[in-house]
Protein backbone atom coordinates (compact mmCIF):
# COMPACT_ATOMS: atom_id res chain seq x y z
CA MET A 1 54.73 29.52 -28.21
CA SER A 2 52.05 30.54 -25.73
CA SER A 3 49.56 27.96 -24.51
CA LYS A 4 46.99 30.66 -23.82
CA PRO A 5 43.83 30.10 -25.86
CA PRO A 6 42.81 32.61 -28.49
CA ARG A 7 41.01 35.69 -27.26
CA SER A 8 37.70 34.72 -28.87
CA VAL A 9 37.70 31.24 -27.34
CA SER A 10 38.64 32.56 -23.91
CA ALA A 11 35.98 35.26 -24.10
CA GLY A 12 33.37 32.74 -25.17
CA PHE A 13 34.31 30.41 -22.33
CA GLN A 14 34.10 33.27 -19.81
CA ALA A 15 30.73 34.36 -21.18
CA SER A 16 29.29 30.85 -20.95
CA SER A 17 30.65 30.48 -17.41
CA ALA A 18 29.05 33.77 -16.44
CA LYS A 19 25.72 32.62 -17.86
CA ALA A 20 25.98 29.33 -15.99
CA CYS A 21 26.69 31.19 -12.75
CA GLU A 22 23.69 33.42 -13.36
CA ALA A 23 21.47 30.42 -14.16
CA LYS A 24 22.40 28.45 -11.07
CA PRO A 25 20.69 30.72 -8.50
CA SER A 26 17.46 30.82 -10.52
CA HIS A 27 17.58 27.06 -11.05
CA GLY A 28 18.12 26.56 -7.32
CA PHE A 29 15.23 28.89 -6.54
CA LEU A 30 12.91 26.93 -8.85
CA LYS A 31 13.94 23.64 -7.23
CA ALA A 32 13.33 25.09 -3.77
CA ALA A 33 9.95 26.48 -4.82
CA ARG A 34 8.97 23.11 -6.31
CA ALA A 35 10.01 21.32 -3.12
CA VAL A 36 7.94 23.72 -1.00
CA LEU A 37 4.89 23.21 -3.22
CA ILE A 38 5.24 19.41 -3.08
CA ILE A 39 5.56 19.48 0.72
CA ALA A 40 2.50 21.73 0.94
CA ALA A 41 0.48 19.41 -1.32
CA ALA A 42 1.52 16.33 0.69
CA ALA A 43 0.67 18.14 3.93
CA LEU A 44 -2.78 19.03 2.56
CA ALA A 45 -3.40 15.38 1.64
CA VAL A 46 -2.43 14.32 5.16
CA LEU A 47 -4.64 17.00 6.75
CA ILE A 48 -7.61 15.79 4.70
CA PHE A 49 -7.24 12.33 6.21
CA VAL A 50 -6.68 13.77 9.68
CA SER A 51 -9.93 15.69 9.31
CA ASP A 52 -11.78 12.57 8.12
CA THR A 53 -10.39 10.61 11.07
CA ASP A 54 -11.92 13.09 13.50
CA SER A 55 -15.26 12.71 11.73
CA LEU A 56 -15.01 8.92 12.05
CA ILE A 57 -14.26 8.81 15.76
CA THR A 58 -16.82 11.46 16.71
CA GLY A 59 -19.71 9.69 14.96
CA ARG A 60 -20.22 12.17 12.12
CA SER A 61 -19.55 9.35 9.65
CA CYS A 62 -21.26 5.96 9.66
CA ILE A 63 -18.70 3.30 10.57
CA ILE A 64 -21.03 0.36 11.29
CA TYR A 65 -20.24 -1.66 8.15
CA PRO A 66 -16.41 -1.30 7.99
CA MET A 67 -16.10 -1.85 11.75
CA GLY A 68 -18.16 -5.05 11.51
CA GLY A 69 -15.99 -6.35 8.68
CA SER A 70 -12.87 -5.73 10.77
CA MET A 71 -14.22 -7.78 13.67
CA VAL A 72 -14.22 -11.09 11.74
CA ASN A 73 -11.77 -13.53 13.38
CA TYR A 74 -11.12 -17.26 13.82
CA SER A 75 -13.07 -17.66 17.08
CA ALA A 76 -15.65 -19.94 15.40
CA GLY A 77 -13.29 -21.66 12.96
CA PHE A 78 -11.24 -20.82 9.89
CA ILE A 79 -12.99 -18.13 7.85
CA ARG A 80 -12.00 -15.78 5.07
CA ARG A 81 -10.76 -12.32 6.17
CA GLY A 82 -10.28 -13.66 9.70
CA LEU A 83 -6.62 -12.66 10.05
CA PHE A 84 -7.39 -8.95 10.26
CA GLY A 85 -9.69 -9.53 13.23
CA GLU A 86 -7.00 -11.63 14.90
CA ILE A 87 -4.54 -8.76 14.44
CA MET A 88 -7.08 -6.43 16.04
CA MET A 89 -7.34 -8.85 18.97
CA LEU A 90 -3.56 -8.91 19.32
CA MET A 91 -3.26 -5.11 19.19
CA ASN A 92 -6.09 -4.76 21.73
CA SER A 93 -3.53 -5.19 24.52
CA ALA A 94 -2.21 -1.75 23.53
CA VAL A 95 -5.11 0.12 21.89
CA GLN A 96 -8.76 -0.53 21.13
CA PRO A 97 -9.78 -1.81 17.64
CA ILE A 98 -10.84 1.52 16.09
CA VAL A 99 -7.43 3.01 16.95
CA SER A 100 -5.64 -0.11 15.64
CA ILE A 101 -7.43 0.20 12.31
CA ILE A 102 -6.55 3.89 12.08
CA ILE A 103 -2.87 3.14 12.79
CA LEU A 104 -2.65 0.36 10.17
CA SER A 105 -4.53 2.37 7.54
CA ALA A 106 -2.47 5.50 8.16
CA ALA A 107 0.80 3.56 7.88
CA SER A 108 -0.35 1.87 4.67
CA LEU A 109 -1.54 5.06 2.97
CA GLY A 110 1.60 6.85 4.14
CA PHE A 111 3.68 4.18 2.39
CA ILE A 112 1.66 4.51 -0.84
CA LEU A 113 1.92 8.30 -0.68
CA PHE A 114 5.69 7.99 -0.17
CA ILE A 115 6.02 5.70 -3.22
CA PHE A 116 4.05 8.09 -5.43
CA LEU A 117 5.91 11.21 -4.31
CA ARG A 118 9.37 9.68 -4.30
CA LYS A 119 9.03 8.18 -7.78
CA MET A 120 7.45 11.26 -9.36
CA ILE A 121 10.13 13.52 -7.90
CA ARG A 122 12.92 11.23 -9.08
CA LEU A 123 11.30 10.98 -12.52
CA ASN A 124 11.30 14.81 -12.82
CA ALA A 125 7.53 15.04 -13.17
CA GLY A 126 6.22 18.60 -13.01
CA PHE A 127 4.32 19.86 -9.97
CA PRO A 128 0.91 20.06 -11.76
CA PHE A 129 1.17 16.33 -12.56
CA ILE A 130 2.15 15.48 -8.98
CA LEU A 131 -0.82 17.50 -7.76
CA ALA A 132 -3.18 15.69 -10.16
CA ILE A 133 -1.99 12.26 -8.98
CA LEU A 134 -2.16 13.10 -5.27
CA PHE A 135 -5.74 14.36 -5.46
CA ALA A 136 -7.17 12.07 -8.13
CA PRO A 137 -10.49 10.68 -6.80
CA SER A 138 -9.60 7.07 -7.67
CA LEU A 139 -6.17 6.92 -6.04
CA ILE A 140 -5.23 7.89 -2.48
CA MET A 141 -8.32 10.09 -2.08
CA MET A 142 -10.54 7.04 -2.64
CA GLN A 143 -9.51 5.82 0.82
CA ARG A 144 -11.17 8.79 2.54
CA ASP A 145 -14.00 8.68 5.06
CA THR A 146 -15.31 5.15 5.88
CA ASN A 147 -13.04 3.58 3.24
CA PHE A 148 -10.19 4.55 5.56
CA LEU A 149 -11.38 1.77 7.89
CA ARG A 150 -11.33 -0.91 5.18
CA THR A 151 -8.37 -3.16 4.43
CA ASP A 152 -7.94 -1.98 0.81
CA GLY A 153 -5.06 0.39 1.59
CA VAL A 154 -3.30 -2.27 3.68
CA LEU A 155 -3.57 -4.83 0.86
CA ILE A 156 -2.23 -2.42 -1.75
CA ALA A 157 0.67 -1.45 0.52
CA LEU A 158 1.60 -5.08 1.21
CA ASN A 159 1.64 -6.04 -2.47
CA LEU A 160 3.56 -2.90 -3.43
CA ALA A 161 6.11 -3.63 -0.70
CA ALA A 162 6.70 -7.10 -2.18
CA SER A 163 7.03 -5.61 -5.68
CA CYS A 164 9.47 -2.93 -4.50
CA ILE A 165 11.70 -5.61 -2.96
CA LEU A 166 11.65 -7.65 -6.18
CA LEU A 167 12.30 -4.63 -8.41
CA HIS A 168 15.23 -3.61 -6.23
CA LEU A 169 16.71 -7.09 -6.63
CA LEU A 170 16.03 -7.11 -10.36
CA PHE A 171 17.60 -3.73 -11.13
CA ARG A 172 20.44 -3.56 -8.64
CA LYS A 173 23.60 -2.57 -10.48
CA ARG A 174 26.01 -4.87 -8.66
CA TYR A 175 24.72 -8.29 -9.57
CA LYS A 176 26.16 -11.40 -8.00
CA GLU A 177 24.93 -14.97 -7.96
CA GLN A 178 22.21 -15.36 -5.32
CA SER A 179 23.06 -18.03 -2.74
CA PHE A 180 20.53 -20.74 -1.94
CA SER A 181 20.09 -19.51 1.63
CA GLY A 182 19.70 -15.94 0.41
CA MET A 183 17.00 -16.99 -2.03
CA LEU A 184 15.22 -18.88 0.79
CA CYS A 185 15.20 -15.70 2.88
CA ILE A 186 13.70 -13.74 -0.01
CA ASP A 187 11.13 -16.53 -0.54
CA ALA A 188 10.17 -16.32 3.13
CA VAL A 189 9.75 -12.53 3.06
CA ILE A 190 7.72 -12.44 -0.17
CA LEU A 191 5.55 -15.41 0.82
CA THR A 192 4.87 -13.98 4.27
CA ILE A 193 3.75 -10.66 2.78
CA LEU A 194 1.51 -12.33 0.19
CA LEU A 195 0.02 -14.85 2.64
CA VAL A 196 -0.83 -12.11 5.14
CA SER A 197 -2.47 -10.18 2.33
CA ALA A 198 -4.44 -13.28 1.24
CA LEU A 199 -5.72 -14.07 4.73
CA MET A 200 -6.76 -10.48 5.34
CA HIS A 201 -9.04 -10.32 2.29
CA GLU A 202 -9.57 -12.58 -0.71
CA LEU A 203 -9.64 -9.60 -3.11
CA SER A 204 -5.84 -9.54 -2.71
CA ALA A 205 -5.80 -12.28 -5.37
CA SER A 206 -6.57 -9.60 -7.95
CA LEU A 207 -3.42 -7.71 -6.88
CA LEU A 208 -1.17 -10.77 -7.24
CA PRO A 209 -0.50 -10.96 -11.03
CA PRO A 210 2.03 -8.09 -11.30
CA VAL A 211 3.80 -9.25 -8.13
CA MET A 212 4.04 -12.82 -9.38
CA LEU A 213 5.32 -11.67 -12.78
CA LEU A 214 8.14 -9.78 -11.06
CA TYR A 215 8.80 -12.76 -8.81
CA PHE A 216 9.08 -15.01 -11.87
CA LEU A 217 11.52 -12.60 -13.55
CA TYR A 218 13.67 -12.50 -10.43
CA ALA A 219 13.62 -16.30 -9.97
CA ARG A 220 14.60 -16.73 -13.60
CA LYS A 221 17.40 -14.18 -13.22
CA VAL A 222 18.98 -16.18 -10.39
CA ARG A 223 18.23 -19.49 -12.16
CA ARG A 224 15.86 -20.80 -9.49
CA VAL A 225 12.47 -20.94 -11.19
CA MET A 226 11.46 -23.84 -8.91
CA HIS A 227 11.27 -21.35 -6.04
CA PHE A 228 8.70 -19.35 -7.99
CA LEU A 229 6.71 -22.48 -8.86
CA PHE A 230 6.63 -23.55 -5.21
CA ALA A 231 5.41 -20.10 -4.12
CA ALA A 232 2.76 -19.98 -6.88
CA VAL A 233 1.42 -23.45 -6.01
CA LEU A 234 1.35 -22.65 -2.29
CA LEU A 235 -0.55 -19.41 -2.84
CA PHE A 236 -3.01 -21.17 -5.16
CA ILE A 237 -3.70 -23.82 -2.50
CA VAL A 238 -4.23 -21.16 0.18
CA TYR A 239 -6.72 -19.22 -1.94
CA ALA A 240 -8.49 -22.40 -3.10
CA VAL A 241 -8.89 -23.74 0.43
CA MET A 242 -9.89 -20.36 1.77
CA MET A 243 -12.63 -19.86 -0.81
CA THR A 244 -13.97 -23.42 -1.02
CA GLN A 245 -13.32 -25.15 2.30
CA PHE A 246 -13.56 -22.40 4.90
CA LYS A 247 -16.28 -22.60 7.50
CA TYR A 248 -19.13 -20.09 7.49
CA SER A 249 -19.05 -19.09 11.14
CA ASP A 250 -21.91 -18.17 13.41
CA PRO A 251 -21.95 -14.32 13.59
CA VAL A 252 -23.11 -14.57 17.20
CA VAL A 253 -20.02 -16.60 18.19
CA VAL A 254 -17.70 -14.11 16.48
CA ALA A 255 -19.47 -11.18 18.14
CA GLU A 256 -19.27 -12.81 21.58
CA SER A 257 -15.51 -13.27 21.17
CA TRP A 258 -15.26 -9.49 21.54
CA SER A 259 -17.01 -9.46 24.93
CA GLY A 260 -13.71 -8.64 26.61
CA VAL A 261 -13.47 -5.49 24.49
CA TYR A 262 -17.10 -4.41 24.08
CA SER A 263 -19.63 -4.44 26.88
CA ASP A 264 -22.51 -4.66 24.40
CA THR A 265 -21.68 -7.33 21.81
CA ALA A 266 -25.21 -7.02 20.40
CA SER A 267 -23.96 -3.88 18.65
CA ILE A 268 -21.92 -6.03 16.24
CA ARG A 269 -23.82 -9.34 16.42
CA PHE A 270 -25.98 -8.54 13.40
CA ASN A 271 -23.64 -6.01 11.84
CA PRO A 272 -23.98 -6.26 8.03
CA GLY A 273 -20.20 -6.10 7.62
CA LEU A 274 -19.79 -9.15 9.85
CA VAL A 275 -22.81 -11.06 8.54
CA ASN A 276 -21.68 -10.50 4.93
CA VAL A 277 -18.58 -12.59 5.65
CA ALA A 278 -19.92 -15.12 8.16
CA ASP A 279 -23.38 -15.92 6.78
CA ARG A 280 -23.52 -17.97 3.54
CA SER A 281 -26.96 -16.88 2.30
CA TYR A 282 -26.23 -13.20 2.92
CA ALA A 283 -22.86 -13.39 1.19
CA ASN A 284 -24.25 -15.14 -1.92
CA GLN A 285 -26.79 -12.35 -2.49
CA TYR A 286 -24.05 -10.03 -3.73
CA LEU A 287 -23.10 -12.36 -6.58
CA ASN A 288 -26.48 -11.87 -8.24
CA MET A 289 -26.72 -8.18 -7.31
CA SER A 290 -23.52 -7.23 -9.14
CA VAL A 291 -24.66 -8.83 -12.39
CA GLU A 292 -28.07 -7.17 -12.12
CA LEU A 293 -26.51 -3.74 -11.54
CA ILE A 294 -24.23 -4.15 -14.56
CA LYS A 295 -27.24 -5.05 -16.73
CA LYS A 296 -29.22 -2.11 -15.38
CA ASP A 297 -26.63 0.69 -15.52
CA GLY A 298 -23.61 -0.85 -17.23
CA MET A 299 -22.88 2.10 -19.55
CA THR A 300 -22.68 4.62 -16.70
CA LEU A 301 -20.44 2.31 -14.68
CA PHE A 302 -18.27 1.69 -17.74
CA ARG A 303 -17.90 5.45 -18.30
CA ASN A 304 -16.95 6.00 -14.66
CA MET A 305 -14.47 3.15 -14.88
CA LEU A 306 -12.78 4.76 -17.89
CA ILE A 307 -12.55 8.12 -16.10
CA THR A 308 -11.16 6.72 -12.87
CA VAL A 309 -8.69 4.28 -14.42
CA LEU A 310 -7.49 6.23 -17.47
CA TRP A 311 -7.15 9.65 -15.84
CA PRO A 312 -4.04 8.74 -13.77
CA VAL A 313 -2.55 7.04 -16.84
CA ALA A 314 -3.12 10.15 -18.95
CA VAL A 315 -1.56 12.38 -16.28
CA LEU A 316 1.56 10.24 -16.03
CA MET A 317 2.00 9.99 -19.80
CA LEU A 318 1.52 13.75 -20.22
CA SER A 319 4.12 14.37 -17.50
CA GLY A 320 6.77 13.18 -19.96
CA ILE A 321 7.84 9.96 -18.26
CA SER A 322 8.53 6.97 -20.49
CA VAL A 323 6.99 3.66 -19.45
CA PHE A 324 7.19 1.39 -22.49
CA ARG A 325 10.38 2.63 -24.19
CA SER A 326 13.19 0.08 -24.22
CA ALA A 327 15.94 -1.05 -26.55
CA SER A 328 14.76 -4.65 -26.18
CA VAL A 329 11.51 -5.91 -27.70
CA ARG A 330 11.33 -8.53 -24.95
CA ALA A 331 11.55 -5.82 -22.28
CA VAL A 332 8.73 -3.87 -23.97
CA ILE A 333 6.51 -6.98 -23.98
CA ILE A 334 7.24 -7.60 -20.29
CA ARG A 335 6.36 -4.00 -19.45
CA LEU A 336 3.10 -4.27 -21.38
CA LEU A 337 2.21 -7.51 -19.59
CA LEU A 338 3.01 -5.96 -16.22
CA ILE A 339 0.79 -2.94 -16.86
CA ALA A 340 -2.04 -5.08 -18.29
CA SER A 341 -1.95 -7.34 -15.20
CA CYS A 342 -2.62 -4.28 -13.03
CA LEU A 343 -6.19 -4.21 -14.38
CA CYS A 344 -7.13 -7.58 -12.84
CA PRO A 345 -9.13 -5.97 -9.97
CA LEU A 346 -11.73 -4.93 -12.56
CA GLY A 347 -12.75 -8.60 -12.70
CA LEU A 348 -14.14 -8.24 -9.17
CA SER A 349 -17.05 -6.30 -10.70
CA LEU A 350 -18.62 -9.65 -11.62
CA VAL A 351 -18.75 -10.89 -8.02
CA GLY A 352 -19.12 -7.75 -5.89
CA ILE A 353 -21.17 -4.56 -5.99
CA ASP A 354 -18.44 -2.21 -4.70
CA PHE A 355 -17.56 -1.12 -8.23
CA GLY A 356 -15.87 2.08 -7.05
CA ARG A 357 -13.43 0.07 -4.97
CA TRP A 358 -12.56 -2.21 -7.89
CA PHE A 359 -12.00 0.82 -10.14
CA ALA A 360 -9.81 2.44 -7.49
CA LEU A 361 -7.75 -0.72 -6.90
CA SER A 362 -7.02 -0.95 -10.63
CA ALA A 363 -6.19 2.75 -10.93
CA THR A 364 -3.87 2.73 -7.91
CA ASN A 365 -2.18 -0.46 -9.06
CA LEU A 366 -1.74 0.94 -12.56
CA ALA A 367 -0.32 4.30 -11.42
CA ALA A 368 2.04 2.69 -8.89
CA TYR A 369 3.57 0.18 -11.31
CA MET A 370 3.86 2.75 -14.09
CA LEU A 371 5.90 4.90 -11.72
CA LEU A 372 7.99 1.96 -10.51
CA ILE A 373 9.16 0.97 -14.00
CA ALA A 374 9.22 4.39 -15.72
CA HIS A 375 12.17 6.29 -17.16
CA PRO A 376 12.67 9.95 -16.13
CA ALA A 377 10.61 12.70 -17.75
CA PHE A 378 12.14 14.44 -20.78
CA ARG A 379 15.01 12.01 -20.94
CA ARG A 380 15.17 12.72 -24.66
CA ARG A 381 13.93 16.12 -25.61
CA ARG A 382 12.30 16.28 -29.00
CA LYS A 383 14.10 18.63 -31.37
CA ARG A 384 11.49 18.55 -34.13
CA PHE A 385 9.75 21.69 -32.90
CA PRO A 386 11.18 25.05 -31.87
CA ARG A 387 11.94 25.55 -28.19
CA GLY A 388 9.33 28.30 -27.87
CA PHE A 389 6.61 26.07 -29.31
CA ARG A 390 7.54 23.26 -26.91
CA ARG A 391 7.40 25.66 -23.98
CA ILE A 392 3.96 27.00 -24.93
CA THR A 393 2.67 23.46 -25.46
CA GLY A 394 4.02 22.43 -22.05
CA ILE A 395 2.31 25.34 -20.32
CA PHE A 396 -0.97 24.54 -22.09
CA VAL A 397 -0.81 20.85 -21.09
CA LYS A 398 -0.03 21.72 -17.45
CA GLY A 399 -2.91 24.19 -17.41
CA CYS A 400 -5.34 21.60 -18.74
CA VAL A 401 -4.15 19.04 -16.18
CA ILE A 402 -4.60 21.49 -13.29
CA VAL A 403 -8.09 22.52 -14.42
CA THR A 404 -9.22 18.92 -14.93
CA ALA A 405 -7.70 17.88 -11.58
CA ALA A 406 -9.51 20.74 -9.82
CA VAL A 407 -12.83 19.67 -11.36
CA LEU A 408 -12.33 16.00 -10.43
CA PHE A 409 -11.23 16.95 -6.92
CA GLY A 410 -14.69 18.45 -6.47
CA TYR A 411 -16.19 14.97 -6.86
CA ARG A 412 -16.01 11.86 -4.72
CA LEU A 413 -15.90 8.35 -6.17
CA ASP A 414 -18.37 6.34 -4.13
CA THR A 415 -17.88 2.63 -3.38
CA SER A 416 -20.89 2.02 -5.64
CA GLY A 417 -18.91 3.31 -8.64
CA TYR A 418 -20.72 6.64 -9.05
CA PHE A 419 -19.43 10.19 -8.69
CA PHE A 420 -20.94 12.53 -6.12
CA GLY A 421 -20.26 16.21 -5.66
CA PRO A 422 -19.21 17.56 -2.24
CA TYR A 423 -21.87 18.98 0.05
CA LEU A 424 -19.47 21.83 0.96
CA ASN A 425 -17.63 24.30 -1.26
CA TYR A 426 -13.82 24.64 -1.12
CA ARG A 427 -13.94 27.40 1.47
CA GLU A 428 -16.24 25.45 3.78
CA GLN A 429 -14.13 22.31 3.30
CA ALA A 430 -10.98 24.21 4.29
CA LYS A 431 -12.71 25.53 7.40
CA GLN A 432 -13.89 22.03 8.31
CA ILE A 433 -10.39 20.59 7.85
CA ILE A 434 -8.88 23.22 10.14
CA THR A 435 -11.56 22.66 12.80
CA ASN A 436 -11.38 18.86 12.72
CA THR A 437 -7.57 18.83 12.73
CA SER A 438 -7.41 21.08 15.78
CA ASN A 439 -10.03 18.90 17.56
CA LEU A 440 -8.39 15.54 16.81
CA PRO A 441 -5.98 15.44 19.81
CA ARG A 442 -8.84 16.21 22.18
CA ASP A 443 -11.19 13.66 20.55
CA MET A 444 -8.51 10.96 20.35
CA LYS A 445 -7.42 11.21 24.00
CA PRO A 446 -10.42 9.35 25.54
CA LEU A 447 -10.03 6.61 22.91
CA LEU A 448 -6.38 6.05 23.80
CA SER A 449 -7.16 5.94 27.52
CA ARG A 450 -10.27 3.78 26.85
CA GLU A 451 -12.51 6.20 28.68
CA LYS A 452 -14.54 5.93 25.49
CA VAL A 453 -14.81 2.66 23.55
CA ILE A 454 -16.35 2.85 20.09
CA GLN A 455 -18.66 -0.12 19.54
CA LYS A 456 -20.93 1.27 16.85
CA SER A 457 -21.85 4.53 15.22
CA GLY A 458 -25.16 5.90 14.10
CA CYS A 459 -25.88 6.72 10.49
């Protein structure tokens, strides 16, 4: 008796194999095309920041306020946000402060960009959705221009780094009992990251809840909840002391501490960014101003908050990824708590007038953690509708996302919480990016050699 399969079965197998062979080249071409488009989009995002950097160092953008805020240090006593200025002092042996800030900001935003791209690619999100996330005005693009010189990107990167470490430990496949010494090492790493973030800027407290939730889950997994409690109490003490017992320093003393870097310390002595941190009466003015602005134009700010925070969420959900699906009810509740805790930065609206920054912190936090805990797109394809209908619907959704993303890309989210249109059209912006990018090496050279030291910039 022959073991050869029937003719019909053999023919069917050969036909299906032929179809698979024909499909492979086209599938490979689509993957290659998608990869090229993603690389091009990432390169464009980088070039935008390169162009903005040239504008910052050549004086076309006003950098007085963010530069003053970065100069705060511990020269006149312990003061909030003083660690960043101390880091600038330390890095001054290699490069001047403006270059140090650019390096730290570029590294931080590069890390955030890497997280977004890597997770969306691994989750099989379509290119239109990747494009919409990369160029959303409340995410990475919010850190453009003078915001590039603030510590926001550094704080987000530090907290995300801690969360990535904890998530890796939580979801690693080969689980073994964590040794006491190993847990101490993890404690040291996580605490160092979070303490550095706290001492750089007190707004980092609003980024803590999702990190601490993950830390609690990990400590409970290895049956060492006391480690989590110790870390939580220590962080609480640091923030409490920093915000209640720190010394309001004399802005003149802080400015004079930079005399070895700047020949004219008067340029930063009464800088509003420095005075806002060091002077008590000036700092307390913003508490009342934020409440007054909410009373005056609360509906507009609320609308802008919904647009900036919910747009990235809508894009990610439309991309097909699954964030809240789980076989366990407990896991679903934990995921909901994690995502809800990402909105804590919105509470800063009650104590500070930079509403756009608080919206952007919440949106970036929300998008990042959704990607970190999501399941791949189209993991379970719905069979309720015909394939043709699903394909048409998918094309329509992608088209709507691209159009909406293009419209939003034409606006800038200001630190005040309002949207402003660009002063240049797309063609003029492209020309400016090319010009600034080509000029950056020439403009950066005198800064690296200290032939030119940036002390202040006109507005």
